[in-house]
Amino acid sequence: MLLTWVGTGTPHYISQDGSIPYISDIGADILKPLFVTGCSITAVAFLLSLIIERLLRHEGRLHPDQRKREKAFSYLAILGSAIGGAGLILLSVFDTKRHPSAHRGF
């Protein structure tokens, strides 16, 4: 996305604060479908990687947990990644151009 910004002659976006835009400034403009798709794939892939890791440990295909807290932290990581992934997807949908306060909140 930054290469697209440089390739188009480094335009100044409406939501841009400094001389170099944030990736969300570029994503809010002409590349919104790519930005939303990339954020969604990232969020889902990270969540799935943690879930698969947990399942492989449960099936004995990975080294088993040494302590009960490792299992608890694994579930907390899955929960945290689900919350973070939802925030990332919402962050990409509510862009800085049209929804600046919601974007900063996510």
PDB file of N, CA and C in Angstrom:
ATOM      1  N   MET A   1       0.827  -1.185   0.000  1.00  0.00           N
ATOM      2  CA  MET A   1       0.000   0.000   0.000  1.00  0.00           C
ATOM      3  C   MET A   1       0.874   1.253   0.000  1.00  0.00           C
ATOM      4  N   LEU A   2       1.974   1.194   0.733  1.00  0.00           N
ATOM      5  CA  LEU A   2       2.878   2.340   0.717  1.00  0.00           C
ATOM      6  C   LEU A   2       3.533   2.515  -0.653  1.00  0.00           C
ATOM      7  N   LEU A   3       3.791   1.392  -1.322  1.00  0.00           N
ATOM      8  CA  LEU A   3       4.341   1.488  -2.674  1.00  0.00           C
ATOM      9  C   LEU A   3       3.336   2.124  -3.635  1.00  0.00           C
ATOM     10  N   THR A   4       2.055   1.856  -3.448  1.00  0.00           N
ATOM     11  CA  THR A   4       1.025   2.493  -4.253  1.00  0.00           C
ATOM     12  C   THR A   4       1.011   3.992  -4.001  1.00  0.00           C
ATOM     13  N   TRP A   5       1.170   4.377  -2.743  1.00  0.00           N
ATOM     14  CA  TRP A   5       1.207   5.801  -2.386  1.00  0.00           C
ATOM     15  C   TRP A   5       2.391   6.490  -3.064  1.00  0.00           C
ATOM     16  N   VAL A   6       3.556   5.853  -3.025  1.00  0.00           N
ATOM     17  CA  VAL A   6       4.746   6.418  -3.678  1.00  0.00           C
ATOM     18  C   VAL A   6       4.565   6.422  -5.195  1.00  0.00           C
ATOM     19  N   GLY A   7       3.988   5.354  -5.728  1.00  0.00           N
ATOM     20  CA  GLY A   7       3.788   5.241  -7.169  1.00  0.00           C
ATOM     21  C   GLY A   7       2.814   6.260  -7.736  1.00  0.00           C
ATOM     22  N   THR A   8       1.876   6.718  -6.920  1.00  0.00           N
ATOM     23  CA  THR A   8       0.907   7.719  -7.393  1.00  0.00           C
ATOM     24  C   THR A   8       1.392   9.147  -7.149  1.00  0.00           C
ATOM     25  N   GLY A   9       2.627   9.284  -6.721  1.00  0.00           N
ATOM     26  CA  GLY A   9       3.188  10.629  -6.561  1.00  0.00           C
ATOM     27  C   GLY A   9       3.058  11.205  -5.165  1.00  0.00           C
ATOM     28  N   THR A  10       2.959  10.364  -4.162  1.00  0.00           N
ATOM     29  CA  THR A  10       2.834  10.741  -2.739  1.00  0.00           C
ATOM     30  C   THR A  10       1.753  11.809  -2.499  1.00  0.00           C
ATOM     31  N   PRO A  11       0.499  11.482  -2.845  1.00  0.00           N
ATOM     32  CA  PRO A  11      -0.574  12.467  -2.611  1.00  0.00           C
ATOM     33  C   PRO A  11      -0.831  12.652  -1.121  1.00  0.00           C
ATOM     34  N   HIS A  12      -1.412  13.777  -0.765  1.00  0.00           N
ATOM     35  CA  HIS A  12      -1.773  14.053   0.630  1.00  0.00           C
ATOM     36  C   HIS A  12      -3.247  13.708   0.808  1.00  0.00           C
ATOM     37  N   TYR A  13      -3.548  12.773   1.701  1.00  0.00           N
ATOM     38  CA  TYR A  13      -4.921  12.327   1.932  1.00  0.00           C
ATOM     39  C   TYR A  13      -5.611  13.231   2.942  1.00  0.00           C
ATOM     40  N   ILE A  14      -6.929  13.244   2.895  1.00  0.00           N
ATOM     41  CA  ILE A  14      -7.728  14.084   3.793  1.00  0.00           C
ATOM     42  C   ILE A  14      -7.478  13.722   5.253  1.00  0.00           C
ATOM     43  N   SER A  15      -7.359  12.433   5.538  1.00  0.00           N
ATOM     44  CA  SER A  15      -7.191  11.968   6.921  1.00  0.00           C
ATOM     45  C   SER A  15      -5.738  11.957   7.377  1.00  0.00           C
ATOM     46  N   GLN A  16      -4.811  12.332   6.517  1.00  0.00           N
ATOM     47  CA  GLN A  16      -3.385  12.261   6.825  1.00  0.00           C
ATOM     48  C   GLN A  16      -2.967  13.426   7.717  1.00  0.00           C
ATOM     49  N   ASP A  17      -2.211  13.117   8.796  1.00  0.00           N
ATOM     50  CA  ASP A  17      -1.769  14.152   9.728  1.00  0.00           C
ATOM     51  C   ASP A  17      -0.376  14.679   9.390  1.00  0.00           C
ATOM     52  N   GLY A  18       0.572  13.790   9.109  1.00  0.00           N
ATOM     53  CA  GLY A  18       1.953  14.187   8.871  1.00  0.00           C
ATOM     54  C   GLY A  18       2.324  14.130   7.401  1.00  0.00           C
ATOM     55  N   SER A  19       3.637  14.074   7.156  1.00  0.00           N
ATOM     56  CA  SER A  19       4.103  14.029   5.777  1.00  0.00           C
ATOM     57  C   SER A  19       4.020  12.624   5.179  1.00  0.00           C
ATOM     58  N   ILE A  20       4.085  11.597   6.030  1.00  0.00           N
ATOM     59  CA  ILE A  20       3.953  10.214   5.581  1.00  0.00           C
ATOM     60  C   ILE A  20       2.634   9.669   6.126  1.00  0.00           C
ATOM     61  N   PRO A  21       1.788   9.113   5.265  1.00  0.00           N
ATOM     62  CA  PRO A  21       0.480   8.635   5.742  1.00  0.00           C
ATOM     63  C   PRO A  21       0.597   7.308   6.489  1.00  0.00           C
ATOM     64  N   TYR A  22      -0.367   7.093   7.363  1.00  0.00           N
ATOM     65  CA  TYR A  22      -0.511   5.772   7.971  1.00  0.00           C
ATOM     66  C   TYR A  22      -1.094   4.842   6.917  1.00  0.00           C
ATOM     67  N   ILE A  23      -0.919   3.554   7.134  1.00  0.00           N
ATOM     68  CA  ILE A  23      -1.458   2.584   6.194  1.00  0.00           C
ATOM     69  C   ILE A  23      -2.983   2.711   6.123  1.00  0.00           C
ATOM     70  N   SER A  24      -3.624   3.115   7.219  1.00  0.00           N
ATOM     71  CA  SER A  24      -5.072   3.276   7.221  1.00  0.00           C
ATOM     72  C   SER A  24      -5.516   4.503   6.433  1.00  0.00           C
ATOM     73  N   ASP A  25      -4.652   5.514   6.297  1.00  0.00           N
ATOM     74  CA  ASP A  25      -5.003   6.655   5.445  1.00  0.00           C
ATOM     75  C   ASP A  25      -5.094   6.217   3.992  1.00  0.00           C
ATOM     76  N   ILE A  26      -4.167   5.394   3.561  1.00  0.00           N
ATOM     77  CA  ILE A  26      -4.178   4.884   2.182  1.00  0.00           C
ATOM     78  C   ILE A  26      -5.342   3.910   2.011  1.00  0.00           C
ATOM     79  N   GLY A  27      -5.564   3.070   3.028  1.00  0.00           N
ATOM     80  CA  GLY A  27      -6.652   2.101   2.970  1.00  0.00           C
ATOM     81  C   GLY A  27      -8.022   2.746   2.984  1.00  0.00           C
ATOM     82  N   ALA A  28      -8.128   3.952   3.514  1.00  0.00           N
ATOM     83  CA  ALA A  28      -9.416   4.645   3.553  1.00  0.00           C
ATOM     84  C   ALA A  28      -9.764   5.257   2.209  1.00  0.00           C
ATOM     85  N   ASP A  29      -8.782   5.365   1.336  1.00  0.00           N
ATOM     86  CA  ASP A  29      -9.015   6.043   0.067  1.00  0.00           C
ATOM     87  C   ASP A  29      -9.326   5.035  -1.040  1.00  0.00           C
ATOM     88  N   ILE A  30      -8.412   4.829  -1.963  1.00  0.00           N
ATOM     89  CA  ILE A  30      -8.713   4.007  -3.138  1.00  0.00           C
ATOM     90  C   ILE A  30      -8.521   2.512  -2.911  1.00  0.00           C
ATOM     91  N   LEU A  31      -7.804   2.129  -1.882  1.00  0.00           N
ATOM     92  CA  LEU A  31      -7.504   0.710  -1.665  1.00  0.00           C
ATOM     93  C   LEU A  31      -8.303   0.091  -0.515  1.00  0.00           C
ATOM     94  N   LYS A  32      -9.488   0.615  -0.255  1.00  0.00           N
ATOM     95  CA  LYS A  32     -10.275   0.103   0.870  1.00  0.00           C
ATOM     96  C   LYS A  32     -10.591  -1.388   0.745  1.00  0.00           C
ATOM     97  N   PRO A  33     -10.994  -1.911  -0.405  1.00  0.00           N
ATOM     98  CA  PRO A  33     -11.254  -3.351  -0.480  1.00  0.00           C
ATOM     99  C   PRO A  33     -10.023  -4.200  -0.135  1.00  0.00           C
ATOM    100  N   LEU A  34      -8.865  -3.781  -0.616  1.00  0.00           N
ATOM    101  CA  LEU A  34      -7.629  -4.495  -0.290  1.00  0.00           C
ATOM    102  C   LEU A  34      -7.311  -4.402   1.200  1.00  0.00           C
ATOM    103  N   PHE A  35      -7.527  -3.240   1.786  1.00  0.00           N
ATOM    104  CA  PHE A  35      -7.250  -3.020   3.205  1.00  0.00           C
ATOM    105  C   PHE A  35      -8.156  -3.882   4.089  1.00  0.00           C
ATOM    106  N   VAL A  36      -9.439  -3.898   3.792  1.00  0.00           N
ATOM    107  CA  VAL A  36     -10.393  -4.698   4.583  1.00  0.00           C
ATOM    108  C   VAL A  36     -10.097  -6.185   4.411  1.00  0.00           C
ATOM    109  N   THR A  37      -9.820  -6.604   3.188  1.00  0.00           N
ATOM    110  CA  THR A  37      -9.507  -8.011   2.930  1.00  0.00           C
ATOM    111  C   THR A  37      -8.233  -8.438   3.641  1.00  0.00           C
ATOM    112  N   GLY A  38      -7.201  -7.627   3.567  1.00  0.00           N
ATOM    113  CA  GLY A  38      -5.941  -7.948   4.233  1.00  0.00           C
ATOM    114  C   GLY A  38      -6.074  -8.026   5.735  1.00  0.00           C
ATOM    115  N   CYS A  39      -6.802  -7.090   6.325  1.00  0.00           N
ATOM    116  CA  CYS A  39      -7.018  -7.118   7.774  1.00  0.00           C
ATOM    117  C   CYS A  39      -7.838  -8.330   8.191  1.00  0.00           C
ATOM    118  N   SER A  40      -8.850  -8.679   7.398  1.00  0.00           N
ATOM    119  CA  SER A  40      -9.693  -9.833   7.723  1.00  0.00           C
ATOM    120  C   SER A  40      -8.907 -11.133   7.635  1.00  0.00           C
ATOM    121  N   ILE A  41      -8.106 -11.277   6.599  1.00  0.00           N
ATOM    122  CA  ILE A  41      -7.296 -12.489   6.449  1.00  0.00           C
ATOM    123  C   ILE A  41      -6.297 -12.602   7.591  1.00  0.00           C
ATOM    124  N   THR A  42      -5.682 -11.494   7.962  1.00  0.00           N
ATOM    125  CA  THR A  42      -4.728 -11.499   9.066  1.00  0.00           C
ATOM    126  C   THR A  42      -5.387 -11.918  10.370  1.00  0.00           C
ATOM    127  N   ALA A  43      -6.546 -11.344  10.666  1.00  0.00           N
ATOM    128  CA  ALA A  43      -7.240 -11.647  11.921  1.00  0.00           C
ATOM    129  C   ALA A  43      -7.663 -13.115  11.984  1.00  0.00           C
ATOM    130  N   VAL A  44      -8.250 -13.614  10.908  1.00  0.00           N
ATOM    131  CA  VAL A  44      -8.737 -15.002  10.887  1.00  0.00           C
ATOM    132  C   VAL A  44      -7.568 -15.987  10.924  1.00  0.00           C
ATOM    133  N   ALA A  45      -6.514 -15.704  10.175  1.00  0.00           N
ATOM    134  CA  ALA A  45      -5.366 -16.614  10.143  1.00  0.00           C
ATOM    135  C   ALA A  45      -4.686 -16.704  11.503  1.00  0.00           C
ATOM    136  N   PHE A  46      -4.557 -15.579  12.207  1.00  0.00           N
ATOM    137  CA  PHE A  46      -3.939 -15.616  13.528  1.00  0.00           C
ATOM    138  C   PHE A  46      -4.796 -16.409  14.513  1.00  0.00           C
ATOM    139  N   LEU A  47      -6.098 -16.180  14.500  1.00  0.00           N
ATOM    140  CA  LEU A  47      -7.001 -16.922  15.381  1.00  0.00           C
ATOM    141  C   LEU A  47      -6.948 -18.416  15.070  1.00  0.00           C
ATOM    142  N   LEU A  48      -7.001 -18.771  13.793  1.00  0.00           N
ATOM    143  CA  LEU A  48      -6.949 -20.184  13.419  1.00  0.00           C
ATOM    144  C   LEU A  48      -5.627 -20.839  13.803  1.00  0.00           C
ATOM    145  N   SER A  49      -4.529 -20.114  13.717  1.00  0.00           N
ATOM    146  CA  SER A  49      -3.241 -20.698  14.094  1.00  0.00           C
ATOM    147  C   SER A  49      -3.205 -21.038  15.581  1.00  0.00           C
ATOM    148  N   LEU A  50      -3.797 -20.195  16.410  1.00  0.00           N
ATOM    149  CA  LEU A  50      -3.831 -20.497  17.846  1.00  0.00           C
ATOM    150  C   LEU A  50      -4.779 -21.650  18.155  1.00  0.00           C
ATOM    151  N   ILE A  51      -5.901 -21.698  17.461  1.00  0.00           N
ATOM    152  CA  ILE A  51      -6.853 -22.795  17.680  1.00  0.00           C
ATOM    153  C   ILE A  51      -6.241 -24.124  17.230  1.00  0.00           C
ATOM    154  N   ILE A  52      -5.594 -24.134  16.084  1.00  0.00           N
ATOM    155  CA  ILE A  52      -4.970 -25.364  15.585  1.00  0.00           C
ATOM    156  C   ILE A  52      -3.854 -25.820  16.517  1.00  0.00           C
ATOM    157  N   GLU A  53      -3.075 -24.871  17.022  1.00  0.00           N
ATOM    158  CA  GLU A  53      -2.011 -25.226  17.977  1.00  0.00           C
ATOM    159  C   GLU A  53      -2.609 -25.883  19.219  1.00  0.00           C
ATOM    160  N   ARG A  54      -3.722 -25.350  19.709  1.00  0.00           N
ATOM    161  CA  ARG A  54      -4.381 -25.912  20.894  1.00  0.00           C
ATOM    162  C   ARG A  54      -4.889 -27.318  20.597  1.00  0.00           C
ATOM    163  N   LEU A  55      -5.501 -27.499  19.424  1.00  0.00           N
ATOM    164  CA  LEU A  55      -6.025 -28.819  19.055  1.00  0.00           C
ATOM    165  C   LEU A  55      -4.902 -29.848  18.896  1.00  0.00           C
ATOM    166  N   LEU A  56      -3.788 -29.447  18.306  1.00  0.00           N
ATOM    167  CA  LEU A  56      -2.667 -30.368  18.136  1.00  0.00           C
ATOM    168  C   LEU A  56      -2.066 -30.781  19.476  1.00  0.00           C
ATOM    169  N   ARG A  57      -2.037 -29.869  20.427  1.00  0.00           N
ATOM    170  CA  ARG A  57      -1.564 -30.234  21.775  1.00  0.00           C
ATOM    171  C   ARG A  57      -2.543 -31.205  22.436  1.00  0.00           C
ATOM    172  N   HIS A  58      -3.834 -30.962  22.232  1.00  0.00           N
ATOM    173  CA  HIS A  58      -4.863 -31.826  22.827  1.00  0.00           C
ATOM    174  C   HIS A  58      -4.790 -33.238  22.245  1.00  0.00           C
ATOM    175  N   GLU A  59      -4.498 -33.346  20.958  1.00  0.00           N
ATOM    176  CA  GLU A  59      -4.417 -34.657  20.307  1.00  0.00           C
ATOM    177  C   GLU A  59      -3.083 -35.353  20.526  1.00  0.00           C
ATOM    178  N   GLY A  60      -2.124 -34.670  21.135  1.00  0.00           N
ATOM    179  CA  GLY A  60      -0.830 -35.266  21.395  1.00  0.00           C
ATOM    180  C   GLY A  60       0.146 -35.186  20.234  1.00  0.00           C
ATOM    181  N   ARG A  61      -0.156 -34.396  19.236  1.00  0.00           N
ATOM    182  CA  ARG A  61       0.749 -34.263  18.088  1.00  0.00           C
ATOM    183  C   ARG A  61       1.832 -33.216  18.345  1.00  0.00           C
ATOM    184  N   LEU A  62       1.632 -32.381  19.349  1.00  0.00           N
ATOM    185  CA  LEU A  62       2.647 -31.440  19.817  1.00  0.00           C
ATOM    186  C   LEU A  62       2.975 -31.772  21.265  1.00  0.00           C
ATOM    187  N   HIS A  63       4.076 -31.219  21.731  1.00  0.00           N
ATOM    188  CA  HIS A  63       4.485 -31.451  23.115  1.00  0.00           C
ATOM    189  C   HIS A  63       3.356 -31.044  24.069  1.00  0.00           C
ATOM    190  N   PRO A  64       2.958 -31.915  24.989  1.00  0.00           N
ATOM    191  CA  PRO A  64       1.836 -31.581  25.875  1.00  0.00           C
ATOM    192  C   PRO A  64       2.182 -30.451  26.849  1.00  0.00           C
ATOM    193  N   ASP A  65       1.142 -29.871  27.412  1.00  0.00           N
ATOM    194  CA  ASP A  65       1.326 -28.809  28.401  1.00  0.00           C
ATOM    195  C   ASP A  65       2.020 -29.360  29.644  1.00  0.00           C
ATOM    196  N   GLN A  66       2.933 -28.586  30.199  1.00  0.00           N
ATOM    197  CA  GLN A  66       3.634 -28.990  31.412  1.00  0.00           C
ATOM    198  C   GLN A  66       2.823 -28.644  32.661  1.00  0.00           C
ATOM    199  N   ARG A  67       2.147 -27.523  32.600  1.00  0.00           N
ATOM    200  CA  ARG A  67       1.370 -27.052  33.756  1.00  0.00           C
ATOM    201  C   ARG A  67      -0.043 -26.696  33.308  1.00  0.00           C
ATOM    202  N   LYS A  68      -0.948 -26.622  34.277  1.00  0.00           N
ATOM    203  CA  LYS A  68      -2.337 -26.263  33.965  1.00  0.00           C
ATOM    204  C   LYS A  68      -2.433 -24.828  33.469  1.00  0.00           C
ATOM    205  N   ARG A  69      -1.539 -23.983  33.972  1.00  0.00           N
ATOM    206  CA  ARG A  69      -1.620 -22.582  33.558  1.00  0.00           C
ATOM    207  C   ARG A  69      -1.254 -22.405  32.081  1.00  0.00           C
ATOM    208  N   GLU A  70      -0.446 -23.293  31.521  1.00  0.00           N
ATOM    209  CA  GLU A  70      -0.135 -23.220  30.096  1.00  0.00           C
ATOM    210  C   GLU A  70      -1.412 -23.417  29.268  1.00  0.00           C
ATOM    211  N   LYS A  71      -2.234 -24.345  29.701  1.00  0.00           N
ATOM    212  CA  LYS A  71      -3.504 -24.582  29.012  1.00  0.00           C
ATOM    213  C   LYS A  71      -4.429 -23.379  29.170  1.00  0.00           C
ATOM    214  N   ALA A  72      -4.455 -22.808  30.371  1.00  0.00           N
ATOM    215  CA  ALA A  72      -5.299 -21.632  30.613  1.00  0.00           C
ATOM    216  C   ALA A  72      -4.817 -20.444  29.779  1.00  0.00           C
ATOM    217  N   PHE A  73      -3.501 -20.244  29.720  1.00  0.00           N
ATOM    218  CA  PHE A  73      -2.965 -19.147  28.924  1.00  0.00           C
ATOM    219  C   PHE A  73      -3.228 -19.355  27.434  1.00  0.00           C
ATOM    220  N   SER A  74      -3.257 -20.595  27.006  1.00  0.00           N
ATOM    221  CA  SER A  74      -3.558 -20.895  25.617  1.00  0.00           C
ATOM    222  C   SER A  74      -4.988 -20.470  25.276  1.00  0.00           C
ATOM    223  N   TYR A  75      -5.924 -20.786  26.153  1.00  0.00           N
ATOM    224  CA  TYR A  75      -7.305 -20.368  25.930  1.00  0.00           C
ATOM    225  C   TYR A  75      -7.454 -18.855  26.030  1.00  0.00           C
ATOM    226  N   LEU A  76      -6.721 -18.231  26.933  1.00  0.00           N
ATOM    227  CA  LEU A  76      -6.760 -16.773  27.023  1.00  0.00           C
ATOM    228  C   LEU A  76      -6.182 -16.123  25.765  1.00  0.00           C
ATOM    229  N   ALA A  77      -5.152 -16.741  25.196  1.00  0.00           N
ATOM    230  CA  ALA A  77      -4.581 -16.231  23.950  1.00  0.00           C
ATOM    231  C   ALA A  77      -5.584 -16.333  22.807  1.00  0.00           C
ATOM    232  N   ILE A  78      -6.335 -17.422  22.764  1.00  0.00           N
ATOM    233  CA  ILE A  78      -7.364 -17.576  21.730  1.00  0.00           C
ATOM    234  C   ILE A  78      -8.444 -16.517  21.904  1.00  0.00           C
ATOM    235  N   LEU A  79      -8.873 -16.307  23.136  1.00  0.00           N
ATOM    236  CA  LEU A  79      -9.878 -15.269  23.411  1.00  0.00           C
ATOM    237  C   LEU A  79      -9.346 -13.890  23.042  1.00  0.00           C
ATOM    238  N   GLY A  80      -8.112 -13.605  23.438  1.00  0.00           N
ATOM    239  CA  GLY A  80      -7.517 -12.314  23.123  1.00  0.00           C
ATOM    240  C   GLY A  80      -7.356 -12.096  21.628  1.00  0.00           C
ATOM    241  N   SER A  81      -7.000 -13.149  20.904  1.00  0.00           N
ATOM    242  CA  SER A  81      -6.851 -12.999  19.458  1.00  0.00           C
ATOM    243  C   SER A  81      -8.204 -12.805  18.778  1.00  0.00           C
ATOM    244  N   ALA A  82      -9.254 -13.406  19.323  1.00  0.00           N
ATOM    245  CA  ALA A  82     -10.594 -13.195  18.765  1.00  0.00           C
ATOM    246  C   ALA A  82     -11.030 -11.743  18.983  1.00  0.00           C
ATOM    247  N   ILE A  83     -10.781 -11.213  20.159  1.00  0.00           N
ATOM    248  CA  ILE A  83     -11.124  -9.817  20.447  1.00  0.00           C
ATOM    249  C   ILE A  83     -10.269  -8.876  19.589  1.00  0.00           C
ATOM    250  N   GLY A  84      -8.966  -9.145  19.531  1.00  0.00           N
ATOM    251  CA  GLY A  84      -8.080  -8.321  18.724  1.00  0.00           C
ATOM    252  C   GLY A  84      -8.397  -8.396  17.246  1.00  0.00           C
ATOM    253  N   GLY A  85      -8.749  -9.586  16.768  1.00  0.00           N
ATOM    254  CA  GLY A  85      -9.118  -9.752  15.368  1.00  0.00           C
ATOM    255  C   GLY A  85     -10.384  -8.989  15.021  1.00  0.00           C
ATOM    256  N   ALA A  86     -11.362  -9.034  15.921  1.00  0.00           N
ATOM    257  CA  ALA A  86     -12.590  -8.259  15.695  1.00  0.00           C
ATOM    258  C   ALA A  86     -12.270  -6.767  15.656  1.00  0.00           C
ATOM    259  N   GLY A  87     -11.381  -6.340  16.553  1.00  0.00           N
ATOM    260  CA  GLY A  87     -10.968  -4.932  16.553  1.00  0.00           C
ATOM    261  C   GLY A  87     -10.254  -4.552  15.265  1.00  0.00           C
ATOM    262  N   LEU A  88      -9.403  -5.442  14.760  1.00  0.00           N
ATOM    263  CA  LEU A  88      -8.682  -5.165  13.519  1.00  0.00           C
ATOM    264  C   LEU A  88      -9.629  -5.065  12.330  1.00  0.00           C
ATOM    265  N   ILE A  89     -10.591  -5.956  12.267  1.00  0.00           N
ATOM    266  CA  ILE A  89     -11.565  -5.915  11.169  1.00  0.00           C
ATOM    267  C   ILE A  89     -12.414  -4.647  11.264  1.00  0.00           C
ATOM    268  N   LEU A  90     -12.858  -4.311  12.465  1.00  0.00           N
ATOM    269  CA  LEU A  90     -13.645  -3.089  12.639  1.00  0.00           C
ATOM    270  C   LEU A  90     -12.809  -1.849  12.347  1.00  0.00           C
ATOM    271  N   LEU A  91     -11.530  -1.894  12.693  1.00  0.00           N
ATOM    272  CA  LEU A  91     -10.621  -0.796  12.407  1.00  0.00           C
ATOM    273  C   LEU A  91     -10.518  -0.555  10.906  1.00  0.00           C
ATOM    274  N   SER A  92     -10.495  -1.624  10.127  1.00  0.00           N
ATOM    275  CA  SER A  92     -10.398  -1.454   8.678  1.00  0.00           C
ATOM    276  C   SER A  92     -11.714  -1.009   8.058  1.00  0.00           C
ATOM    277  N   VAL A  93     -12.829  -1.430   8.612  1.00  0.00           N
ATOM    278  CA  VAL A  93     -14.135  -1.036   8.076  1.00  0.00           C
ATOM    279  C   VAL A  93     -14.425   0.434   8.392  1.00  0.00           C
ATOM    280  N   PHE A  94     -14.195   0.836   9.639  1.00  0.00           N
ATOM    281  CA  PHE A  94     -14.408   2.228  10.046  1.00  0.00           C
ATOM    282  C   PHE A  94     -13.111   2.993   9.810  1.00  0.00           C
ATOM    283  N   ASP A  95     -12.930   3.479   8.593  1.00  0.00           N
ATOM    284  CA  ASP A  95     -11.671   4.094   8.188  1.00  0.00           C
ATOM    285  C   ASP A  95     -11.512   5.505   8.752  1.00  0.00           C
ATOM    286  N   THR A  96     -10.320   6.030   8.611  1.00  0.00           N
ATOM    287  CA  THR A  96      -9.996   7.356   9.154  1.00  0.00           C
ATOM    288  C   THR A  96     -10.639   8.479   8.364  1.00  0.00           C
ATOM    289  N   LYS A  97     -11.023   8.214   7.138  1.00  0.00           N
ATOM    290  CA  LYS A  97     -11.614   9.253   6.287  1.00  0.00           C
ATOM    291  C   LYS A  97     -13.058   9.544   6.676  1.00  0.00           C
ATOM    292  N   ARG A  98     -13.832   8.500   6.932  1.00  0.00           N
ATOM    293  CA  ARG A  98     -15.265   8.659   7.196  1.00  0.00           C
ATOM    294  C   ARG A  98     -15.634   8.549   8.672  1.00  0.00           C
ATOM    295  N   HIS A  99     -14.855   7.815   9.448  1.00  0.00           N
ATOM    296  CA  HIS A  99     -15.162   7.569  10.864  1.00  0.00           C
ATOM    297  C   HIS A  99     -13.893   7.728  11.713  1.00  0.00           C
ATOM    298  N   PRO A 100     -13.347   8.926  11.836  1.00  0.00           N
ATOM    299  CA  PRO A 100     -12.044   9.082  12.515  1.00  0.00           C
ATOM    300  C   PRO A 100     -12.067   8.696  13.996  1.00  0.00           C
ATOM    301  N   SER A 101     -13.121   9.031  14.722  1.00  0.00           N
ATOM    302  CA  SER A 101     -13.132   8.706  16.162  1.00  0.00           C
ATOM    303  C   SER A 101     -13.318   7.206  16.395  1.00  0.00           C
ATOM    304  N   ALA A 102     -14.172   6.568  15.618  1.00  0.00           N
ATOM    305  CA  ALA A 102     -14.363   5.124  15.752  1.00  0.00           C
ATOM    306  C   ALA A 102     -13.075   4.387  15.362  1.00  0.00           C
ATOM    307  N   HIS A 103     -12.412   4.847  14.319  1.00  0.00           N
ATOM    308  CA  HIS A 103     -11.158   4.215  13.879  1.00  0.00           C
ATOM    309  C   HIS A 103     -10.108   4.300  14.974  1.00  0.00           C
ATOM    310  N   ARG A 104      -9.963   5.444  15.575  1.00  0.00           N
ATOM    311  CA  ARG A 104      -8.976   5.593  16.640  1.00  0.00           C
ATOM    312  C   ARG A 104      -9.343   4.759  17.869  1.00  0.00           C
ATOM    313  N   GLY A 105     -10.626   4.557  18.095  1.00  0.00           N
ATOM    314  CA  GLY A 105     -11.072   3.719  19.205  1.00  0.00           C
ATOM    315  C   GLY A 105     -10.720   2.255  19.001  1.00  0.00           C
ATOM    316  N   PHE A 106     -10.872   1.793  17.776  1.00  0.00           N
ATOM    317  CA  PHE A 106     -10.529   0.401  17.506  1.00  0.00           C
ATOM    318  C   PHE A 106      -9.041   0.235  17.406  1.00  0.00           C
TER     319      PHE A 106
END
